[in-house]
């Protein structure tokens, strides 16, 4: 069953889980957050949604980095299912 959350809730939860509640400070921190987000989105919208979220939250990640993260997480999720 799907559960809908706002982008803010998704980022807050990613920070809580991936960074133990500490604010992201480095590009690596943002990579951890993006990995969480990409894993938890519906694969059919993950690429566009992650690109948008990277811009909205001013993540220091290039479009290519976001694409690589999303491709990896969507692939891992497909293997799991």
PDB file of N, CA and C in Angstrom:
ATOM      1  N   UNK A   1       0.840  -1.174   0.000  1.00  0.00           N
ATOM      2  CA  UNK A   1       0.000   0.000   0.000  1.00  0.00           C
ATOM      3  C   UNK A   1       0.891   1.244   0.000  1.00  0.00           C
ATOM      4  N   UNK A   2       0.520   2.204  -0.789  1.00  0.00           N
ATOM      5  CA  UNK A   2       1.278   3.446  -0.871  1.00  0.00           C
ATOM      6  C   UNK A   2       0.970   4.338   0.321  1.00  0.00           C
ATOM      7  N   UNK A   3       1.971   5.082   0.697  1.00  0.00           N
ATOM      8  CA  UNK A   3       1.810   6.075   1.758  1.00  0.00           C
ATOM      9  C   UNK A   3       2.359   7.375   1.214  1.00  0.00           C
ATOM     10  N   UNK A   4       1.552   8.390   1.201  1.00  0.00           N
ATOM     11  CA  UNK A   4       1.965   9.665   0.629  1.00  0.00           C
ATOM     12  C   UNK A   4       2.529  10.578   1.715  1.00  0.00           C
ATOM     13  N   UNK A   5       3.684  11.169   1.427  1.00  0.00           N
ATOM     14  CA  UNK A   5       4.295  12.133   2.336  1.00  0.00           C
ATOM     15  C   UNK A   5       4.765  13.327   1.518  1.00  0.00           C
ATOM     16  N   UNK A   6       4.898  14.439   2.187  1.00  0.00           N
ATOM     17  CA  UNK A   6       5.381  15.635   1.503  1.00  0.00           C
ATOM     18  C   UNK A   6       6.893  15.538   1.294  1.00  0.00           C
ATOM     19  N   UNK A   7       7.426  16.317   0.363  1.00  0.00           N
ATOM     20  CA  UNK A   7       8.877  16.336   0.198  1.00  0.00           C
ATOM     21  C   UNK A   7       9.604  16.705   1.502  1.00  0.00           C
ATOM     22  N   UNK A   8       9.040  17.648   2.257  1.00  0.00           N
ATOM     23  CA  UNK A   8       9.667  18.029   3.526  1.00  0.00           C
ATOM     24  C   UNK A   8       9.727  16.846   4.490  1.00  0.00           C
ATOM     25  N   UNK A   9       8.639  16.075   4.552  1.00  0.00           N
ATOM     26  CA  UNK A   9       8.632  14.890   5.422  1.00  0.00           C
ATOM     27  C   UNK A   9       9.672  13.875   4.969  1.00  0.00           C
ATOM     28  N   UNK A  10       9.819  13.710   3.655  1.00  0.00           N
ATOM     29  CA  UNK A  10      10.787  12.754   3.109  1.00  0.00           C
ATOM     30  C   UNK A  10      12.213  13.166   3.481  1.00  0.00           C
ATOM     31  N   UNK A  11      12.531  14.440   3.312  1.00  0.00           N
ATOM     32  CA  UNK A  11      13.873  14.925   3.635  1.00  0.00           C
ATOM     33  C   UNK A  11      14.111  14.843   5.149  1.00  0.00           C
ATOM     34  N   UNK A  12      13.133  15.212   5.942  1.00  0.00           N
ATOM     35  CA  UNK A  12      13.268  15.133   7.402  1.00  0.00           C
ATOM     36  C   UNK A  12      13.529  13.698   7.847  1.00  0.00           C
ATOM     37  N   UNK A  13      12.797  12.768   7.271  1.00  0.00           N
ATOM     38  CA  UNK A  13      12.984  11.351   7.622  1.00  0.00           C
ATOM     39  C   UNK A  13      14.346  10.843   7.156  1.00  0.00           C
ATOM     40  N   UNK A  14      14.780  11.277   5.979  1.00  0.00           N
ATOM     41  CA  UNK A  14      16.104  10.888   5.488  1.00  0.00           C
ATOM     42  C   UNK A  14      17.195  11.396   6.421  1.00  0.00           C
ATOM     43  N   UNK A  15      17.063  12.627   6.883  1.00  0.00           N
ATOM     44  CA  UNK A  15      18.040  13.189   7.816  1.00  0.00           C
ATOM     45  C   UNK A  15      18.021  12.417   9.131  1.00  0.00           C
ATOM     46  N   UNK A  16      16.839  12.085   9.606  1.00  0.00           N
ATOM     47  CA  UNK A  16      16.726  11.338  10.869  1.00  0.00           C
ATOM     48  C   UNK A  16      17.388   9.964  10.756  1.00  0.00           C
ATOM     49  N   UNK A  17      17.135   9.266   9.667  1.00  0.00           N
ATOM     50  CA  UNK A  17      17.634   7.904   9.523  1.00  0.00           C
ATOM     51  C   UNK A  17      19.082   7.884   9.040  1.00  0.00           C
ATOM     52  N   UNK A  18      19.383   8.602   7.986  1.00  0.00           N
ATOM     53  CA  UNK A  18      20.707   8.525   7.372  1.00  0.00           C
ATOM     54  C   UNK A  18      21.777   9.311   8.132  1.00  0.00           C
ATOM     55  N   UNK A  19      21.384  10.426   8.723  1.00  0.00           N
ATOM     56  CA  UNK A  19      22.369  11.302   9.372  1.00  0.00           C
ATOM     57  C   UNK A  19      22.157  11.397  10.880  1.00  0.00           C
ATOM     58  N   UNK A  20      21.321  10.527  11.421  1.00  0.00           N
ATOM     59  CA  UNK A  20      21.042  10.501  12.859  1.00  0.00           C
ATOM     60  C   UNK A  20      20.567  11.855  13.383  1.00  0.00           C
ATOM     61  N   UNK A  21      19.793  12.546  12.541  1.00  0.00           N
ATOM     62  CA  UNK A  21      19.183  13.807  12.939  1.00  0.00           C
ATOM     63  C   UNK A  21      20.054  15.036  12.776  1.00  0.00           C
ATOM     64  N   UNK A  22      21.294  14.854  12.327  1.00  0.00           N
ATOM     65  CA  UNK A  22      22.182  16.009  12.153  1.00  0.00           C
ATOM     66  C   UNK A  22      21.967  16.644  10.776  1.00  0.00           C
ATOM     67  N   UNK A  23      22.052  17.941  10.717  1.00  0.00           N
ATOM     68  CA  UNK A  23      21.864  18.658   9.450  1.00  0.00           C
ATOM     69  C   UNK A  23      22.934  18.251   8.434  1.00  0.00           C
ATOM     70  N   UNK A  24      22.555  18.118   7.173  1.00  0.00           N
ATOM     71  CA  UNK A  24      23.548  17.787   6.144  1.00  0.00           C
ATOM     72  C   UNK A  24      24.543  18.926   5.969  1.00  0.00           C
ATOM     73  N   UNK A  25      25.826  18.564   5.942  1.00  0.00           N
ATOM     74  CA  UNK A  25      26.885  19.575   5.837  1.00  0.00           C
ATOM     75  C   UNK A  25      27.790  19.355   4.626  1.00  0.00           C
ATOM     76  N   UNK A  26      27.884  18.119   4.181  1.00  0.00           N
ATOM     77  CA  UNK A  26      28.824  17.783   3.106  1.00  0.00           C
ATOM     78  C   UNK A  26      28.065  17.206   1.906  1.00  0.00           C
ATOM     79  N   UNK A  27      28.709  17.194   0.747  1.00  0.00           N
ATOM     80  CA  UNK A  27      28.083  16.527  -0.397  1.00  0.00           C
ATOM     81  C   UNK A  27      27.749  15.058  -0.094  1.00  0.00           C
ATOM     82  N   UNK A  28      28.603  14.393   0.666  1.00  0.00           N
ATOM     83  CA  UNK A  28      28.323  12.995   1.024  1.00  0.00           C
ATOM     84  C   UNK A  28      27.029  12.873   1.829  1.00  0.00           C
ATOM     85  N   UNK A  29      26.788  13.806   2.721  1.00  0.00           N
ATOM     86  CA  UNK A  29      25.527  13.806   3.474  1.00  0.00           C
ATOM     87  C   UNK A  29      24.338  13.887   2.515  1.00  0.00           C
ATOM     88  N   UNK A  30      24.449  14.745   1.517  1.00  0.00           N
ATOM     89  CA  UNK A  30      23.356  14.897   0.552  1.00  0.00           C
ATOM     90  C   UNK A  30      23.205  13.651  -0.313  1.00  0.00           C
ATOM     91  N   UNK A  31      24.306  12.983  -0.611  1.00  0.00           N
ATOM     92  CA  UNK A  31      24.235  11.716  -1.344  1.00  0.00           C
ATOM     93  C   UNK A  31      23.447  10.696  -0.522  1.00  0.00           C
ATOM     94  N   UNK A  32      23.699  10.642   0.770  1.00  0.00           N
ATOM     95  CA  UNK A  32      22.969   9.726   1.649  1.00  0.00           C
ATOM     96  C   UNK A  32      21.475  10.048   1.625  1.00  0.00           C
ATOM     97  N   UNK A  33      21.148  11.323   1.688  1.00  0.00           N
ATOM     98  CA  UNK A  33      19.742  11.736   1.661  1.00  0.00           C
ATOM     99  C   UNK A  33      19.105  11.378   0.317  1.00  0.00           C
ATOM    100  N   UNK A  34      19.810  11.650  -0.774  1.00  0.00           N
ATOM    101  CA  UNK A  34      19.258  11.348  -2.092  1.00  0.00           C
ATOM    102  C   UNK A  34      19.071   9.845  -2.276  1.00  0.00           C
ATOM    103  N   UNK A  35      19.979   9.039  -1.768  1.00  0.00           N
ATOM    104  CA  UNK A  35      19.810   7.588  -1.843  1.00  0.00           C
ATOM    105  C   UNK A  35      18.534   7.159  -1.124  1.00  0.00           C
ATOM    106  N   UNK A  36      18.279   7.718   0.032  1.00  0.00           N
ATOM    107  CA  UNK A  36      17.063   7.409   0.794  1.00  0.00           C
ATOM    108  C   UNK A  36      15.823   7.794  -0.005  1.00  0.00           C
ATOM    109  N   UNK A  37      15.835   8.998  -0.539  1.00  0.00           N
ATOM    110  CA  UNK A  37      14.686   9.485  -1.295  1.00  0.00           C
ATOM    111  C   UNK A  37      14.452   8.613  -2.532  1.00  0.00           C
ATOM    112  N   UNK A  38      15.505   8.343  -3.284  1.00  0.00           N
ATOM    113  CA  UNK A  38      15.370   7.557  -4.514  1.00  0.00           C
ATOM    114  C   UNK A  38      14.824   6.163  -4.226  1.00  0.00           C
ATOM    115  N   UNK A  39      15.261   5.558  -3.142  1.00  0.00           N
ATOM    116  CA  UNK A  39      14.786   4.221  -2.779  1.00  0.00           C
ATOM    117  C   UNK A  39      13.292   4.236  -2.445  1.00  0.00           C
ATOM    118  N   UNK A  40      12.835   5.297  -1.831  1.00  0.00           N
ATOM    119  CA  UNK A  40      11.477   5.341  -1.303  1.00  0.00           C
ATOM    120  C   UNK A  40      10.430   5.919  -2.254  1.00  0.00           C
ATOM    121  N   UNK A  41      10.836   6.326  -3.432  1.00  0.00           N
ATOM    122  CA  UNK A  41       9.867   6.845  -4.407  1.00  0.00           C
ATOM    123  C   UNK A  41       9.432   5.739  -5.369  1.00  0.00           C
ATOM    124  N   UNK A  42       8.263   5.919  -5.933  1.00  0.00           N
ATOM    125  CA  UNK A  42       7.784   5.013  -6.972  1.00  0.00           C
ATOM    126  C   UNK A  42       8.770   5.110  -8.139  1.00  0.00           C
ATOM    127  N   UNK A  43       9.290   3.973  -8.612  1.00  0.00           N
ATOM    128  CA  UNK A  43      10.315   4.024  -9.662  1.00  0.00           C
ATOM    129  C   UNK A  43       9.940   4.839 -10.905  1.00  0.00           C
ATOM    130  N   UNK A  44       8.684   4.845 -11.272  1.00  0.00           N
ATOM    131  CA  UNK A  44       8.300   5.548 -12.495  1.00  0.00           C
ATOM    132  C   UNK A  44       8.433   7.073 -12.395  1.00  0.00           C
ATOM    133  N   UNK A  45       8.467   7.608 -11.198  1.00  0.00           N
ATOM    134  CA  UNK A  45       8.616   9.062 -11.025  1.00  0.00           C
ATOM    135  C   UNK A  45       9.922   9.437 -10.331  1.00  0.00           C
ATOM    136  N   UNK A  46      10.699   8.446  -9.939  1.00  0.00           N
ATOM    137  CA  UNK A  46      11.890   8.695  -9.119  1.00  0.00           C
ATOM    138  C   UNK A  46      12.869   9.668  -9.782  1.00  0.00           C
ATOM    139  N   UNK A  47      13.140   9.480 -11.072  1.00  0.00           N
ATOM    140  CA  UNK A  47      14.137  10.339 -11.724  1.00  0.00           C
ATOM    141  C   UNK A  47      13.718  11.804 -11.697  1.00  0.00           C
ATOM    142  N   UNK A  48      12.535  12.080 -12.190  1.00  0.00           N
ATOM    143  CA  UNK A  48      12.085  13.473 -12.243  1.00  0.00           C
ATOM    144  C   UNK A  48      11.917  14.065 -10.848  1.00  0.00           C
ATOM    145  N   UNK A  49      11.352  13.285  -9.930  1.00  0.00           N
ATOM    146  CA  UNK A  49      11.130  13.790  -8.574  1.00  0.00           C
ATOM    147  C   UNK A  49      12.453  14.074  -7.867  1.00  0.00           C
ATOM    148  N   UNK A  50      13.420  13.209  -8.041  1.00  0.00           N
ATOM    149  CA  UNK A  50      14.717  13.435  -7.383  1.00  0.00           C
ATOM    150  C   UNK A  50      15.443  14.634  -7.971  1.00  0.00           C
ATOM    151  N   UNK A  51      15.373  14.805  -9.287  1.00  0.00           N
ATOM    152  CA  UNK A  51      15.990  15.990  -9.903  1.00  0.00           C
ATOM    153  C   UNK A  51      15.350  17.260  -9.356  1.00  0.00           C
ATOM    154  N   UNK A  52      14.031  17.251  -9.244  1.00  0.00           N
ATOM    155  CA  UNK A  52      13.321  18.412  -8.711  1.00  0.00           C
ATOM    156  C   UNK A  52      13.683  18.663  -7.252  1.00  0.00           C
ATOM    157  N   UNK A  53      13.695  17.604  -6.449  1.00  0.00           N
ATOM    158  CA  UNK A  53      14.015  17.770  -5.025  1.00  0.00           C
ATOM    159  C   UNK A  53      15.448  18.263  -4.828  1.00  0.00           C
ATOM    160  N   UNK A  54      16.362  17.813  -5.665  1.00  0.00           N
ATOM    161  CA  UNK A  54      17.754  18.280  -5.571  1.00  0.00           C
ATOM    162  C   UNK A  54      17.820  19.793  -5.785  1.00  0.00           C
ATOM    163  N   UNK A  55      17.003  20.290  -6.695  1.00  0.00           N
ATOM    164  CA  UNK A  55      16.982  21.735  -6.962  1.00  0.00           C
ATOM    165  C   UNK A  55      16.266  22.495  -5.851  1.00  0.00           C
ATOM    166  N   UNK A  56      15.125  21.993  -5.433  1.00  0.00           N
ATOM    167  CA  UNK A  56      14.332  22.670  -4.400  1.00  0.00           C
ATOM    168  C   UNK A  56      15.123  22.786  -3.097  1.00  0.00           C
ATOM    169  N   UNK A  57      15.848  21.742  -2.739  1.00  0.00           N
ATOM    170  CA  UNK A  57      16.597  21.739  -1.482  1.00  0.00           C
ATOM    171  C   UNK A  57      18.054  22.171  -1.660  1.00  0.00           C
ATOM    172  N   UNK A  58      18.382  22.705  -2.830  1.00  0.00           N
ATOM    173  CA  UNK A  58      19.735  23.207  -3.129  1.00  0.00           C
ATOM    174  C   UNK A  58      20.812  22.193  -2.760  1.00  0.00           C
ATOM    175  N   UNK A  59      20.582  20.952  -3.137  1.00  0.00           N
ATOM    176  CA  UNK A  59      21.572  19.907  -2.859  1.00  0.00           C
ATOM    177  C   UNK A  59      22.773  20.112  -3.769  1.00  0.00           C
ATOM    178  N   UNK A  60      23.972  19.985  -3.228  1.00  0.00           N
ATOM    179  CA  UNK A  60      25.177  20.189  -4.040  1.00  0.00           C
ATOM    180  C   UNK A  60      25.509  18.945  -4.866  1.00  0.00           C
ATOM    181  N   UNK A  61      24.533  18.496  -5.645  1.00  0.00           N
ATOM    182  CA  UNK A  61      24.703  17.309  -6.493  1.00  0.00           C
ATOM    183  C   UNK A  61      24.386  17.696  -7.934  1.00  0.00           C
ATOM    184  N   UNK A  62      25.183  17.198  -8.859  1.00  0.00           N
ATOM    185  CA  UNK A  62      24.924  17.469 -10.272  1.00  0.00           C
ATOM    186  C   UNK A  62      23.760  16.606 -10.758  1.00  0.00           C
ATOM    187  N   UNK A  63      23.206  16.986 -11.895  1.00  0.00           N
ATOM    188  CA  UNK A  63      22.131  16.177 -12.480  1.00  0.00           C
ATOM    189  C   UNK A  63      22.623  14.762 -12.752  1.00  0.00           C
ATOM    190  N   UNK A  64      23.866  14.634 -13.197  1.00  0.00           N
ATOM    191  CA  UNK A  64      24.430  13.303 -13.474  1.00  0.00           C
ATOM    192  C   UNK A  64      24.538  12.471 -12.195  1.00  0.00           C
ATOM    193  N   UNK A  65      24.952  13.101 -11.105  1.00  0.00           N
ATOM    194  CA  UNK A  65      25.037  12.372  -9.834  1.00  0.00           C
ATOM    195  C   UNK A  65      23.663  11.893  -9.378  1.00  0.00           C
ATOM    196  N   UNK A  66      22.677  12.765  -9.494  1.00  0.00           N
ATOM    197  CA  UNK A  66      21.311  12.383  -9.104  1.00  0.00           C
ATOM    198  C   UNK A  66      20.832  11.238  -9.988  1.00  0.00           C
ATOM    199  N   UNK A  67      21.064  11.330 -11.289  1.00  0.00           N
ATOM    200  CA  UNK A  67      20.666  10.265 -12.213  1.00  0.00           C
ATOM    201  C   UNK A  67      21.322   8.949 -11.833  1.00  0.00           C
ATOM    202  N   UNK A  68      22.606   8.971 -11.518  1.00  0.00           N
ATOM    203  CA  UNK A  68      23.319   7.743 -11.124  1.00  0.00           C
ATOM    204  C   UNK A  68      22.736   7.147  -9.845  1.00  0.00           C
ATOM    205  N   UNK A  69      22.447   7.995  -8.872  1.00  0.00           N
ATOM    206  CA  UNK A  69      21.877   7.530  -7.611  1.00  0.00           C
ATOM    207  C   UNK A  69      20.513   6.891  -7.855  1.00  0.00           C
ATOM    208  N   UNK A  70      19.679   7.568  -8.620  1.00  0.00           N
ATOM    209  CA  UNK A  70      18.335   7.051  -8.889  1.00  0.00           C
ATOM    210  C   UNK A  70      18.422   5.734  -9.658  1.00  0.00           C
ATOM    211  N   UNK A  71      19.253   5.669 -10.661  1.00  0.00           N
ATOM    212  CA  UNK A  71      19.395   4.429 -11.434  1.00  0.00           C
ATOM    213  C   UNK A  71      19.829   3.278 -10.537  1.00  0.00           C
ATOM    214  N   UNK A  72      20.771   3.545  -9.662  1.00  0.00           N
ATOM    215  CA  UNK A  72      21.250   2.513  -8.740  1.00  0.00           C
ATOM    216  C   UNK A  72      20.131   2.049  -7.815  1.00  0.00           C
ATOM    217  N   UNK A  73      19.426   2.979  -7.204  1.00  0.00           N
ATOM    218  CA  UNK A  73      18.386   2.611  -6.237  1.00  0.00           C
ATOM    219  C   UNK A  73      17.195   1.932  -6.908  1.00  0.00           C
ATOM    220  N   UNK A  74      16.799   2.397  -8.075  1.00  0.00           N
ATOM    221  CA  UNK A  74      15.702   1.757  -8.798  1.00  0.00           C
ATOM    222  C   UNK A  74      16.103   0.336  -9.189  1.00  0.00           C
ATOM    223  N   UNK A  75      17.338   0.162  -9.602  1.00  0.00           N
ATOM    224  CA  UNK A  75      17.846  -1.173  -9.939  1.00  0.00           C
ATOM    225  C   UNK A  75      17.871  -2.099  -8.732  1.00  0.00           C
ATOM    226  N   UNK A  76      18.355  -1.591  -7.602  1.00  0.00           N
ATOM    227  CA  UNK A  76      18.394  -2.398  -6.375  1.00  0.00           C
ATOM    228  C   UNK A  76      16.988  -2.775  -5.926  1.00  0.00           C
ATOM    229  N   UNK A  77      16.085  -1.839  -6.060  1.00  0.00           N
ATOM    230  CA  UNK A  77      14.700  -2.103  -5.663  1.00  0.00           C
ATOM    231  C   UNK A  77      14.066  -3.174  -6.554  1.00  0.00           C
ATOM    232  N   UNK A  78      14.367  -3.111  -7.855  1.00  0.00           N
ATOM    233  CA  UNK A  78      13.844  -4.114  -8.796  1.00  0.00           C
ATOM    234  C   UNK A  78      14.395  -5.498  -8.464  1.00  0.00           C
ATOM    235  N   UNK A  79      15.674  -5.577  -8.084  1.00  0.00           N
ATOM    236  CA  UNK A  79      16.275  -6.853  -7.691  1.00  0.00           C
ATOM    237  C   UNK A  79      15.577  -7.424  -6.460  1.00  0.00           C
ATOM    238  N   UNK A  80      15.241  -6.546  -5.538  1.00  0.00           N
ATOM    239  CA  UNK A  80      14.614  -6.962  -4.298  1.00  0.00           C
ATOM    240  C   UNK A  80      13.195  -7.496  -4.529  1.00  0.00           C
ATOM    241  N   UNK A  81      12.500  -6.863  -5.468  1.00  0.00           N
ATOM    242  CA  UNK A  81      11.121  -7.269  -5.735  1.00  0.00           C
ATOM    243  C   UNK A  81      11.141  -8.412  -6.704  1.00  0.00           C
TER     244      UNK A  81
END
